Amino acid sequence: MTGLVYKSTGSWYVVKTEDQQVFECRIKGKFRMQDIKSTNPIAVGDVVDFELDDTSDTITGTIHNIHERKNYIVRKSVNLSKQTHIIASNIDIVFLLITINNPPTTTSFIDRFLVTAEAYGIEAVLIFNKIDTYDEAMQDEQSYLQYIYSDIGYKFLKISAQEKKGLDQLKQLMTGKVSMFSGHSGVGKSTLVNALESSLHLKTKHISEQSKQGQHTTTFAEMFDLSFDAKIIDTPGIKGFGIVDMEPSEVSGYFPEFFRLQEDCKFNNCLHKEEPHCAVKKALEENKIAWSRYNSYLKILEGDDEHYRQDVYNDDRIASDETRK
């Protein structure tokens, strides 16, 4: 039998077939025996082949094959630095939810996520969420971020799940596609899914006033069928986003504004650091490229994987003076 993985709990996988039958499945030991660097050999969004087990009182299955993935979103495992974690696979479009101060989202996090989406050929759209909570200063920060990323070419939406603002535009982008919502804990992913499909009743929690960080409500990635011909993968909130398997010479190619200037650099292998006659650095000095983007690029190039401790928020807030150089 063949089906689509809708939920992964680490040991069990919920698989749905084309005729809408749902089975709980385990994986064969060989998946753990093969030289798989990922902490999760099977991810939500995978198409798998499985066999039903006759030895159990309940009908369960055993997955014995994974179909080739067209793409996936992957990051470094938080606790196992040499391994990766596949967040989801076979995605048509990914939405990164950004909040200004509730909790704060850093440009470094945004850029790392966008680089990964670019690397795996997945369309990425930025969602500025909770706009109903913005004061004047927060509106200024949002407008500045909007200017940076729309100038590069990224689509964006401004949304309030509470006030139902921007939901129609979001549904238009999601219709007929497999979408993924991602972002920090507390940015409102589950609340937004509930606003799109109120019958789901996903659990939500409030932001901690002391830390301004969200509390995990989604423990495992899970896919849901929505009533307007769309599928959504809701993912656990993530703090850091370590870049995986990327050579230094590749990184600038995943910054679209850098890539467009690459051919104007004197050297074909220019890393845009100390090299003379670098078109990217010239554009940076002329304020045609955002300093925050260049700083993110250098951090990725140097392998500086952040884990978003509280001090990272203090050093890398989205409206920092460094961002506005």
C-alpha atoms as a PDB file:
ATOM      1  CA  MET A   1       0.000   0.000   0.000  1.00  0.00           C
ATOM      2  CA  THR A   2       1.078   3.595  -0.616  1.00  0.00           C
ATOM      3  CA  GLY A   3       0.224   6.630   1.459  1.00  0.00           C
ATOM      4  CA  LEU A   4       1.198  10.115   2.590  1.00  0.00           C
ATOM      5  CA  VAL A   5       2.750  10.708   6.029  1.00  0.00           C
ATOM      6  CA  TYR A   6       0.511  13.115   7.945  1.00  0.00           C
ATOM      7  CA  LYS A   7       2.137  12.934  11.369  1.00  0.00           C
ATOM      8  CA  SER A   8       5.410  11.803  12.900  1.00  0.00           C
ATOM      9  CA  THR A   9       5.871  11.236  16.625  1.00  0.00           C
ATOM     10  CA  GLY A  10       9.344   9.807  16.352  1.00  0.00           C
ATOM     11  CA  SER A  11       8.357   6.162  16.626  1.00  0.00           C
ATOM     12  CA  TRP A  12       4.897   6.052  15.001  1.00  0.00           C
ATOM     13  CA  TYR A  13       3.755   7.603  11.732  1.00  0.00           C
ATOM     14  CA  VAL A  14       0.177   8.412  10.718  1.00  0.00           C
ATOM     15  CA  VAL A  15      -0.198   7.512   7.044  1.00  0.00           C
ATOM     16  CA  LYS A  16      -3.222   8.300   4.838  1.00  0.00           C
ATOM     17  CA  THR A  17      -3.914   6.511   1.561  1.00  0.00           C
ATOM     18  CA  GLU A  18      -5.512   8.018  -1.555  1.00  0.00           C
ATOM     19  CA  ASP A  19      -8.868   6.498  -0.572  1.00  0.00           C
ATOM     20  CA  GLN A  20      -8.617   8.321   2.783  1.00  0.00           C
ATOM     21  CA  GLN A  21      -7.826   5.280   4.930  1.00  0.00           C
ATOM     22  CA  VAL A  22      -5.634   6.155   7.906  1.00  0.00           C
ATOM     23  CA  PHE A  23      -3.090   3.787   9.455  1.00  0.00           C
ATOM     24  CA  GLU A  24      -0.529   4.021  12.226  1.00  0.00           C
ATOM     25  CA  CYS A  25       2.782   2.658  11.005  1.00  0.00           C
ATOM     26  CA  ARG A  26       6.254   1.901  12.283  1.00  0.00           C
ATOM     27  CA  ILE A  27       9.415   1.757  10.203  1.00  0.00           C
ATOM     28  CA  LYS A  28      11.566  -1.256   9.463  1.00  0.00           C
ATOM     29  CA  GLY A  29      14.823  -1.427  11.340  1.00  0.00           C
ATOM     30  CA  LYS A  30      16.831  -1.087   8.147  1.00  0.00           C
ATOM     31  CA  PHE A  31      15.995   2.627   8.024  1.00  0.00           C
ATOM     32  CA  ARG A  32      17.848   3.044  11.295  1.00  0.00           C
ATOM     33  CA  MET A  33      20.676   0.785  10.165  1.00  0.00           C
ATOM     34  CA  GLN A  34      21.420   2.626   6.932  1.00  0.00           C
ATOM     35  CA  ASP A  35      23.890   5.499   7.076  1.00  0.00           C
ATOM     36  CA  ILE A  36      21.194   8.124   7.576  1.00  0.00           C
ATOM     37  CA  LYS A  37      22.445  11.330   9.175  1.00  0.00           C
ATOM     38  CA  SER A  38      18.952  12.615   9.842  1.00  0.00           C
ATOM     39  CA  THR A  39      17.413  12.164  13.291  1.00  0.00           C
ATOM     40  CA  ASN A  40      14.140  11.378  11.508  1.00  0.00           C
ATOM     41  CA  PRO A  41      14.488   9.093   8.475  1.00  0.00           C
ATOM     42  CA  ILE A  42      10.817   9.706   7.610  1.00  0.00           C
ATOM     43  CA  ALA A  43       9.185  13.134   7.670  1.00  0.00           C
ATOM     44  CA  VAL A  44       5.695  14.570   7.332  1.00  0.00           C
ATOM     45  CA  GLY A  45       4.988  14.956   3.628  1.00  0.00           C
ATOM     46  CA  ASP A  46       6.828  11.789   2.605  1.00  0.00           C
ATOM     47  CA  VAL A  47       5.135   9.340   0.253  1.00  0.00           C
ATOM     48  CA  VAL A  48       5.775   5.842   1.609  1.00  0.00           C
ATOM     49  CA  ASP A  49       5.026   2.210   0.834  1.00  0.00           C
ATOM     50  CA  PHE A  50       3.853   0.069   3.744  1.00  0.00           C
ATOM     51  CA  GLU A  51       2.497  -3.362   4.532  1.00  0.00           C
ATOM     52  CA  LEU A  52      -0.295  -4.130   6.996  1.00  0.00           C
ATOM     53  CA  ASP A  53       0.680  -6.247   9.995  1.00  0.00           C
ATOM     54  CA  ASP A  54      -1.345  -9.355  10.810  1.00  0.00           C
ATOM     55  CA  THR A  55       0.230  -9.933  14.203  1.00  0.00           C
ATOM     56  CA  SER A  56      -1.542  -7.142  16.082  1.00  0.00           C
ATOM     57  CA  ASP A  57      -5.068  -6.868  17.474  1.00  0.00           C
ATOM     58  CA  THR A  58      -5.316  -3.453  15.843  1.00  0.00           C
ATOM     59  CA  ILE A  59      -4.551  -2.757  12.186  1.00  0.00           C
ATOM     60  CA  THR A  60      -1.110  -1.199  11.956  1.00  0.00           C
ATOM     61  CA  GLY A  61       1.496  -1.079   9.225  1.00  0.00           C
ATOM     62  CA  THR A  62       5.222  -1.286   8.613  1.00  0.00           C
ATOM     63  CA  ILE A  63       6.863   1.228   6.275  1.00  0.00           C
ATOM     64  CA  HIS A  64       9.421  -0.407   4.000  1.00  0.00           C
ATOM     65  CA  ASN A  65      10.082   2.238   1.338  1.00  0.00           C
ATOM     66  CA  ILE A  66      10.240   6.021   0.967  1.00  0.00           C
ATOM     67  CA  HIS A  67       9.535   7.554  -2.435  1.00  0.00           C
ATOM     68  CA  GLU A  68      12.020  10.080  -3.763  1.00  0.00           C
ATOM     69  CA  ARG A  69      11.437  13.537  -2.304  1.00  0.00           C
ATOM     70  CA  LYS A  70      11.080  16.526  -4.614  1.00  0.00           C
ATOM     71  CA  ASN A  71      12.364  18.773  -1.812  1.00  0.00           C
ATOM     72  CA  TYR A  72      12.488  19.190   1.953  1.00  0.00           C
ATOM     73  CA  ILE A  73      13.256  21.731   4.646  1.00  0.00           C
ATOM     74  CA  VAL A  74      16.134  20.619   6.844  1.00  0.00           C
ATOM     75  CA  ARG A  75      18.111  22.093   9.706  1.00  0.00           C
ATOM     76  CA  LYS A  76      20.834  20.959  12.053  1.00  0.00           C
ATOM     77  CA  SER A  77      19.620  18.919  14.985  1.00  0.00           C
ATOM     78  CA  VAL A  78      19.698  21.056  18.123  1.00  0.00           C
ATOM     79  CA  ASN A  79      21.192  18.391  20.369  1.00  0.00           C
ATOM     80  CA  LEU A  80      23.161  16.374  17.815  1.00  0.00           C
ATOM     81  CA  SER A  81      25.300  18.828  15.870  1.00  0.00           C
ATOM     82  CA  LYS A  82      26.525  16.247  13.365  1.00  0.00           C
ATOM     83  CA  GLN A  83      23.023  15.199  12.443  1.00  0.00           C
ATOM     84  CA  THR A  84      20.182  16.924  10.645  1.00  0.00           C
ATOM     85  CA  HIS A  85      16.459  17.134  11.251  1.00  0.00           C
ATOM     86  CA  ILE A  86      14.065  17.106   8.302  1.00  0.00           C
ATOM     87  CA  ILE A  87      11.206  19.420   9.247  1.00  0.00           C
ATOM     88  CA  ALA A  88       8.925  18.422   6.335  1.00  0.00           C
ATOM     89  CA  SER A  89       9.143  17.203   2.746  1.00  0.00           C
ATOM     90  CA  ASN A  90       7.458  17.600  -0.652  1.00  0.00           C
ATOM     91  CA  ILE A  91       6.394  21.184   0.053  1.00  0.00           C
ATOM     92  CA  ASP A  92       4.958  23.526  -2.589  1.00  0.00           C
ATOM     93  CA  ILE A  93       5.213  26.746  -0.587  1.00  0.00           C
ATOM     94  CA  VAL A  94       6.534  27.660   2.858  1.00  0.00           C
ATOM     95  CA  PHE A  95       5.315  30.528   5.014  1.00  0.00           C
ATOM     96  CA  LEU A  96       7.678  31.960   7.613  1.00  0.00           C
ATOM     97  CA  LEU A  97       5.734  33.687  10.379  1.00  0.00           C
ATOM     98  CA  ILE A  98       7.465  36.778  11.742  1.00  0.00           C
ATOM     99  CA  THR A  99       6.527  38.740  14.844  1.00  0.00           C
ATOM    100  CA  ILE A 100       8.148  42.012  15.819  1.00  0.00           C
ATOM    101  CA  ASN A 101       8.199  41.766  19.598  1.00  0.00           C
ATOM    102  CA  ASN A 102       5.792  39.040  20.593  1.00  0.00           C
ATOM    103  CA  PRO A 103       8.183  37.144  20.480  1.00  0.00           C
ATOM    104  CA  PRO A 104      10.947  38.928  18.536  1.00  0.00           C
ATOM    105  CA  THR A 105      12.104  37.414  15.244  1.00  0.00           C
ATOM    106  CA  THR A 106      15.670  38.197  14.186  1.00  0.00           C
ATOM    107  CA  THR A 107      16.875  38.971  10.690  1.00  0.00           C
ATOM    108  CA  SER A 108      19.499  36.268  11.134  1.00  0.00           C
ATOM    109  CA  PHE A 109      16.787  33.664  11.665  1.00  0.00           C
ATOM    110  CA  ILE A 110      14.770  34.954   8.709  1.00  0.00           C
ATOM    111  CA  ASP A 111      17.783  34.878   6.414  1.00  0.00           C
ATOM    112  CA  ARG A 112      18.882  31.384   7.431  1.00  0.00           C
ATOM    113  CA  PHE A 113      15.400  30.084   6.736  1.00  0.00           C
ATOM    114  CA  LEU A 114      15.212  31.825   3.368  1.00  0.00           C
ATOM    115  CA  VAL A 115      18.637  30.495   2.361  1.00  0.00           C
ATOM    116  CA  THR A 116      17.487  26.950   3.126  1.00  0.00           C
ATOM    117  CA  ALA A 117      14.288  27.439   1.116  1.00  0.00           C
ATOM    118  CA  GLU A 118      16.308  28.821  -1.801  1.00  0.00           C
ATOM    119  CA  ALA A 119      18.736  25.890  -1.624  1.00  0.00           C
ATOM    120  CA  TYR A 120      15.937  23.337  -1.889  1.00  0.00           C
ATOM    121  CA  GLY A 121      13.907  25.237  -4.477  1.00  0.00           C
ATOM    122  CA  ILE A 122      10.881  25.999  -2.287  1.00  0.00           C
ATOM    123  CA  GLU A 123       8.921  29.223  -2.703  1.00  0.00           C
ATOM    124  CA  ALA A 124       9.044  31.199   0.542  1.00  0.00           C
ATOM    125  CA  VAL A 125       6.560  33.852   1.640  1.00  0.00           C
ATOM    126  CA  LEU A 126       6.966  36.048   4.726  1.00  0.00           C
ATOM    127  CA  ILE A 127       3.979  36.526   7.005  1.00  0.00           C
ATOM    128  CA  PHE A 128       4.102  39.496   9.342  1.00  0.00           C
ATOM    129  CA  ASN A 129       1.756  38.138  11.981  1.00  0.00           C
ATOM    130  CA  LYS A 130      -0.209  39.691  14.867  1.00  0.00           C
ATOM    131  CA  ILE A 131      -0.373  43.086  13.137  1.00  0.00           C
ATOM    132  CA  ASP A 132      -3.291  43.988  15.406  1.00  0.00           C
ATOM    133  CA  THR A 133      -0.783  44.197  18.300  1.00  0.00           C
ATOM    134  CA  TYR A 134       1.633  46.640  16.620  1.00  0.00           C
ATOM    135  CA  ASP A 135       2.266  50.041  18.116  1.00  0.00           C
ATOM    136  CA  GLU A 136       3.860  52.827  16.061  1.00  0.00           C
ATOM    137  CA  ALA A 137       7.446  51.672  16.684  1.00  0.00           C
ATOM    138  CA  MET A 138       6.577  48.101  15.752  1.00  0.00           C
ATOM    139  CA  GLN A 139       4.861  49.309  12.593  1.00  0.00           C
ATOM    140  CA  ASP A 140       8.069  51.125  11.655  1.00  0.00           C
ATOM    141  CA  GLU A 141      10.115  47.967  12.167  1.00  0.00           C
ATOM    142  CA  GLN A 142       7.666  45.923  10.115  1.00  0.00           C
ATOM    143  CA  SER A 143       7.728  48.475   7.309  1.00  0.00           C
ATOM    144  CA  TYR A 144      11.521  48.415   7.266  1.00  0.00           C
ATOM    145  CA  LEU A 145      11.636  44.625   7.050  1.00  0.00           C
ATOM    146  CA  GLN A 146       8.954  44.717   4.379  1.00  0.00           C
ATOM    147  CA  TYR A 147      11.117  47.140   2.400  1.00  0.00           C
ATOM    148  CA  ILE A 148      14.229  44.914   2.678  1.00  0.00           C
ATOM    149  CA  TYR A 149      12.632  41.649   1.628  1.00  0.00           C
ATOM    150  CA  SER A 150      10.155  42.914  -0.956  1.00  0.00           C
ATOM    151  CA  ASP A 151      13.015  44.765  -2.644  1.00  0.00           C
ATOM    152  CA  ILE A 152      14.841  41.425  -2.948  1.00  0.00           C
ATOM    153  CA  GLY A 153      11.722  39.879  -4.487  1.00  0.00           C
ATOM    154  CA  TYR A 154      10.078  37.985  -1.640  1.00  0.00           C
ATOM    155  CA  LYS A 155       6.309  38.025  -1.295  1.00  0.00           C
ATOM    156  CA  PHE A 156       4.840  39.057   2.040  1.00  0.00           C
ATOM    157  CA  LEU A 157       1.499  39.194   3.805  1.00  0.00           C
ATOM    158  CA  LYS A 158       0.349  41.187   6.822  1.00  0.00           C
ATOM    159  CA  ILE A 159      -2.018  39.098   8.901  1.00  0.00           C
ATOM    160  CA  SER A 160      -4.087  39.223  12.059  1.00  0.00           C
ATOM    161  CA  ALA A 161      -5.699  35.905  12.918  1.00  0.00           C
ATOM    162  CA  GLN A 162      -7.645  37.576  15.720  1.00  0.00           C
ATOM    163  CA  GLU A 163      -9.191  40.170  13.413  1.00  0.00           C
ATOM    164  CA  LYS A 164      -9.315  37.886  10.329  1.00  0.00           C
ATOM    165  CA  LYS A 165      -7.153  40.268   8.317  1.00  0.00           C
ATOM    166  CA  GLY A 166      -5.190  38.943   5.350  1.00  0.00           C
ATOM    167  CA  LEU A 167      -6.686  35.446   5.498  1.00  0.00           C
ATOM    168  CA  ASP A 168      -8.269  35.598   2.033  1.00  0.00           C
ATOM    169  CA  GLN A 169      -4.929  36.460   0.398  1.00  0.00           C
ATOM    170  CA  LEU A 170      -3.271  33.639   2.341  1.00  0.00           C
ATOM    171  CA  LYS A 171      -5.898  31.127   1.222  1.00  0.00           C
ATOM    172  CA  GLN A 172      -5.351  32.134  -2.404  1.00  0.00           C
ATOM    173  CA  LEU A 173      -1.647  31.334  -2.123  1.00  0.00           C
ATOM    174  CA  MET A 174      -2.356  28.013  -0.373  1.00  0.00           C
ATOM    175  CA  THR A 175      -5.129  26.655  -2.617  1.00  0.00           C
ATOM    176  CA  GLY A 176      -4.160  23.488  -4.445  1.00  0.00           C
ATOM    177  CA  LYS A 177      -0.816  23.268  -2.660  1.00  0.00           C
ATOM    178  CA  VAL A 178       0.983  21.625   0.250  1.00  0.00           C
ATOM    179  CA  SER A 179       2.011  24.502   2.514  1.00  0.00           C
ATOM    180  CA  MET A 180       4.167  24.650   5.610  1.00  0.00           C
ATOM    181  CA  PHE A 181       4.010  27.158   8.451  1.00  0.00           C
ATOM    182  CA  SER A 182       7.223  27.727  10.373  1.00  0.00           C
ATOM    183  CA  GLY A 183       8.730  30.188  12.831  1.00  0.00           C
ATOM    184  CA  HIS A 184       9.646  30.634  16.467  1.00  0.00           C
ATOM    185  CA  SER A 185       7.453  29.254  19.247  1.00  0.00           C
ATOM    186  CA  GLY A 186       4.731  31.775  19.987  1.00  0.00           C
ATOM    187  CA  VAL A 187       4.546  33.483  16.587  1.00  0.00           C
ATOM    188  CA  GLY A 188       1.006  32.170  16.148  1.00  0.00           C
ATOM    189  CA  LYS A 189       1.268  29.229  13.761  1.00  0.00           C
ATOM    190  CA  SER A 190      -1.430  27.112  15.404  1.00  0.00           C
ATOM    191  CA  THR A 191      -3.646  30.153  15.970  1.00  0.00           C
ATOM    192  CA  LEU A 192      -3.389  30.989  12.290  1.00  0.00           C
ATOM    193  CA  VAL A 193      -4.250  27.425  11.252  1.00  0.00           C
ATOM    194  CA  ASN A 194      -7.302  27.608  13.539  1.00  0.00           C
ATOM    195  CA  ALA A 195      -8.326  30.877  11.893  1.00  0.00           C
ATOM    196  CA  LEU A 196      -8.107  29.236   8.472  1.00  0.00           C
ATOM    197  CA  GLU A 197      -9.988  26.119   9.615  1.00  0.00           C
ATOM    198  CA  SER A 198     -11.777  26.647  12.926  1.00  0.00           C
ATOM    199  CA  SER A 199     -12.889  23.008  13.166  1.00  0.00           C
ATOM    200  CA  LEU A 200      -9.308  21.859  13.859  1.00  0.00           C
ATOM    201  CA  HIS A 201      -9.108  23.368  17.382  1.00  0.00           C
ATOM    202  CA  LEU A 202      -5.299  23.234  17.589  1.00  0.00           C
ATOM    203  CA  LYS A 203      -3.881  24.012  21.029  1.00  0.00           C
ATOM    204  CA  THR A 204      -2.386  27.451  21.587  1.00  0.00           C
ATOM    205  CA  LYS A 205      -0.572  29.139  24.474  1.00  0.00           C
ATOM    206  CA  HIS A 206       0.228  32.687  25.497  1.00  0.00           C
ATOM    207  CA  ILE A 207       3.636  34.322  25.291  1.00  0.00           C
ATOM    208  CA  SER A 208       5.710  34.394  28.462  1.00  0.00           C
ATOM    209  CA  GLU A 209       5.775  38.032  29.536  1.00  0.00           C
ATOM    210  CA  GLN A 210       9.095  37.551  31.302  1.00  0.00           C
ATOM    211  CA  SER A 211      11.081  36.126  28.408  1.00  0.00           C
ATOM    212  CA  LYS A 212       8.936  37.343  25.484  1.00  0.00           C
ATOM    213  CA  GLN A 213       9.364  33.855  24.046  1.00  0.00           C
ATOM    214  CA  GLY A 214       6.674  31.415  23.080  1.00  0.00           C
ATOM    215  CA  GLN A 215       5.884  28.115  24.712  1.00  0.00           C
ATOM    216  CA  HIS A 216       5.856  24.992  22.575  1.00  0.00           C
ATOM    217  CA  THR A 217       2.304  23.893  21.764  1.00  0.00           C
ATOM    218  CA  THR A 218       2.963  21.859  18.610  1.00  0.00           C
ATOM    219  CA  THR A 219       5.177  18.938  19.660  1.00  0.00           C
ATOM    220  CA  PHE A 220       5.375  17.136  16.328  1.00  0.00           C
ATOM    221  CA  ALA A 221       4.957  18.210  12.725  1.00  0.00           C
ATOM    222  CA  GLU A 222       1.498  17.359  11.432  1.00  0.00           C
ATOM    223  CA  MET A 223      -0.341  17.787   8.133  1.00  0.00           C
ATOM    224  CA  PHE A 224      -3.998  18.797   7.922  1.00  0.00           C
ATOM    225  CA  ASP A 225      -6.468  18.744   5.042  1.00  0.00           C
ATOM    226  CA  LEU A 226      -8.238  22.082   4.738  1.00  0.00           C
ATOM    227  CA  SER A 227     -11.692  22.694   3.313  1.00  0.00           C
ATOM    228  CA  PHE A 228     -10.490  25.019   0.521  1.00  0.00           C
ATOM    229  CA  ASP A 229      -8.428  22.377  -1.359  1.00  0.00           C
ATOM    230  CA  ALA A 230      -5.196  22.856   0.540  1.00  0.00           C
ATOM    231  CA  LYS A 231      -2.922  20.948   2.867  1.00  0.00           C
ATOM    232  CA  ILE A 232      -0.998  22.615   5.684  1.00  0.00           C
ATOM    233  CA  ILE A 233       1.930  21.266   7.680  1.00  0.00           C
ATOM    234  CA  ASP A 234       2.045  22.792  11.154  1.00  0.00           C
ATOM    235  CA  THR A 235       5.508  22.499  12.707  1.00  0.00           C
ATOM    236  CA  PRO A 236       6.951  22.865  16.210  1.00  0.00           C
ATOM    237  CA  GLY A 237       8.433  26.263  16.989  1.00  0.00           C
ATOM    238  CA  ILE A 238      12.167  26.436  16.398  1.00  0.00           C
ATOM    239  CA  LYS A 239      14.752  28.642  18.104  1.00  0.00           C
ATOM    240  CA  GLY A 240      17.840  28.287  15.919  1.00  0.00           C
ATOM    241  CA  PHE A 241      18.218  27.344  12.300  1.00  0.00           C
ATOM    242  CA  GLY A 242      21.585  25.754  11.539  1.00  0.00           C
ATOM    243  CA  ILE A 243      22.536  25.651   7.861  1.00  0.00           C
ATOM    244  CA  VAL A 244      23.248  22.163   6.541  1.00  0.00           C
ATOM    245  CA  ASP A 245      25.663  20.825   3.884  1.00  0.00           C
ATOM    246  CA  MET A 246      26.466  24.118   2.197  1.00  0.00           C
ATOM    247  CA  GLU A 247      29.907  24.951   0.792  1.00  0.00           C
ATOM    248  CA  PRO A 248      31.151  28.544   1.259  1.00  0.00           C
ATOM    249  CA  SER A 249      31.196  29.065  -2.494  1.00  0.00           C
ATOM    250  CA  GLU A 250      27.490  28.170  -2.690  1.00  0.00           C
ATOM    251  CA  VAL A 251      26.111  30.479  -0.010  1.00  0.00           C
ATOM    252  CA  SER A 252      25.944  33.728  -1.981  1.00  0.00           C
ATOM    253  CA  GLY A 253      23.925  31.955  -4.670  1.00  0.00           C
ATOM    254  CA  TYR A 254      21.078  31.600  -2.169  1.00  0.00           C
ATOM    255  CA  PHE A 255      21.003  35.344  -1.493  1.00  0.00           C
ATOM    256  CA  PRO A 256      19.151  36.515  -4.644  1.00  0.00           C
ATOM    257  CA  GLU A 257      20.432  40.092  -4.457  1.00  0.00           C
ATOM    258  CA  PHE A 258      24.030  38.801  -4.187  1.00  0.00           C
ATOM    259  CA  PHE A 259      23.551  36.317  -7.015  1.00  0.00           C
ATOM    260  CA  ARG A 260      22.376  39.046  -9.381  1.00  0.00           C
ATOM    261  CA  LEU A 261      25.648  40.934  -8.831  1.00  0.00           C
ATOM    262  CA  GLN A 262      28.006  37.956  -8.881  1.00  0.00           C
ATOM    263  CA  GLU A 263      28.993  38.309 -12.550  1.00  0.00           C
ATOM    264  CA  ASP A 264      30.114  41.904 -11.933  1.00  0.00           C
ATOM    265  CA  CYS A 265      32.725  40.816  -9.388  1.00  0.00           C
ATOM    266  CA  LYS A 266      36.312  40.751 -10.658  1.00  0.00           C
ATOM    267  CA  PHE A 267      36.828  37.164  -9.537  1.00  0.00           C
ATOM    268  CA  ASN A 268      34.469  34.309 -10.457  1.00  0.00           C
ATOM    269  CA  ASN A 269      35.005  32.698  -7.049  1.00  0.00           C
ATOM    270  CA  CYS A 270      34.526  35.914  -5.084  1.00  0.00           C
ATOM    271  CA  LEU A 271      33.283  35.310  -1.534  1.00  0.00           C
ATOM    272  CA  HIS A 272      32.449  39.014  -1.082  1.00  0.00           C
ATOM    273  CA  LYS A 273      34.763  39.406   1.907  1.00  0.00           C
ATOM    274  CA  GLU A 274      38.272  40.755   1.301  1.00  0.00           C
ATOM    275  CA  GLU A 275      38.440  40.431  -2.481  1.00  0.00           C
ATOM    276  CA  PRO A 276      39.078  43.627  -4.510  1.00  0.00           C
ATOM    277  CA  HIS A 277      36.512  44.971  -6.992  1.00  0.00           C
ATOM    278  CA  CYS A 278      33.631  43.077  -5.382  1.00  0.00           C
ATOM    279  CA  ALA A 279      30.242  44.143  -6.768  1.00  0.00           C
ATOM    280  CA  VAL A 280      28.418  42.965  -3.648  1.00  0.00           C
ATOM    281  CA  LYS A 281      30.577  45.029  -1.275  1.00  0.00           C
ATOM    282  CA  LYS A 282      30.264  48.025  -3.601  1.00  0.00           C
ATOM    283  CA  ALA A 283      26.468  47.699  -3.495  1.00  0.00           C
ATOM    284  CA  LEU A 284      26.659  47.339   0.279  1.00  0.00           C
ATOM    285  CA  GLU A 285      28.628  50.578   0.605  1.00  0.00           C
ATOM    286  CA  GLU A 286      26.052  52.294  -1.594  1.00  0.00           C
ATOM    287  CA  ASN A 287      23.220  50.994   0.645  1.00  0.00           C
ATOM    288  CA  LYS A 288      21.772  48.939  -2.213  1.00  0.00           C
ATOM    289  CA  ILE A 289      22.076  45.817  -0.058  1.00  0.00           C
ATOM    290  CA  ALA A 290      20.887  45.647   3.564  1.00  0.00           C
ATOM    291  CA  TRP A 291      23.651  45.368   6.162  1.00  0.00           C
ATOM    292  CA  SER A 292      21.566  42.841   8.065  1.00  0.00           C
ATOM    293  CA  ARG A 293      21.578  40.553   5.034  1.00  0.00           C
ATOM    294  CA  TYR A 294      25.336  40.871   4.618  1.00  0.00           C
ATOM    295  CA  ASN A 295      25.897  40.175   8.325  1.00  0.00           C
ATOM    296  CA  SER A 296      23.716  37.054   8.031  1.00  0.00           C
ATOM    297  CA  TYR A 297      25.750  35.983   5.019  1.00  0.00           C
ATOM    298  CA  LEU A 298      29.029  36.323   6.934  1.00  0.00           C
ATOM    299  CA  LYS A 299      27.686  34.327   9.882  1.00  0.00           C
ATOM    300  CA  ILE A 300      26.603  31.500   7.591  1.00  0.00           C
ATOM    301  CA  LEU A 301      29.916  31.631   5.733  1.00  0.00           C
ATOM    302  CA  GLU A 302      31.813  31.356   9.009  1.00  0.00           C
ATOM    303  CA  GLY A 303      29.665  28.477  10.238  1.00  0.00           C
ATOM    304  CA  ASP A 304      28.349  30.514  13.146  1.00  0.00           C
ATOM    305  CA  ASP A 305      25.269  28.449  14.011  1.00  0.00           C
ATOM    306  CA  GLU A 306      23.067  30.265  16.470  1.00  0.00           C
ATOM    307  CA  HIS A 307      20.810  28.587  18.988  1.00  0.00           C
ATOM    308  CA  TYR A 308      18.926  31.714  19.961  1.00  0.00           C
ATOM    309  CA  ARG A 309      19.718  32.103  23.613  1.00  0.00           C
ATOM    310  CA  GLN A 310      18.312  35.249  25.159  1.00  0.00           C
ATOM    311  CA  ASP A 311      21.574  37.113  24.546  1.00  0.00           C
ATOM    312  CA  VAL A 312      21.163  36.512  20.811  1.00  0.00           C
ATOM    313  CA  TYR A 313      17.912  38.457  20.936  1.00  0.00           C
ATOM    314  CA  ASN A 314      19.696  41.324  22.635  1.00  0.00           C
ATOM    315  CA  ASP A 315      22.511  41.362  20.058  1.00  0.00           C
ATOM    316  CA  ASP A 316      20.480  40.791  16.917  1.00  0.00           C
ATOM    317  CA  ARG A 317      17.089  42.442  17.197  1.00  0.00           C
ATOM    318  CA  ILE A 318      15.448  43.125  13.873  1.00  0.00           C
ATOM    319  CA  ALA A 319      15.500  46.882  14.386  1.00  0.00           C
ATOM    320  CA  SER A 320      19.076  47.102  15.653  1.00  0.00           C
ATOM    321  CA  ASP A 321      21.287  49.981  14.643  1.00  0.00           C
ATOM    322  CA  GLU A 322      23.411  47.529  12.657  1.00  0.00           C
ATOM    323  CA  THR A 323      20.383  46.572  10.588  1.00  0.00           C
ATOM    324  CA  ARG A 324      19.723  50.182   9.656  1.00  0.00           C
ATOM    325  CA  LYS A 325      23.274  51.107   8.560  1.00  0.00           C
END
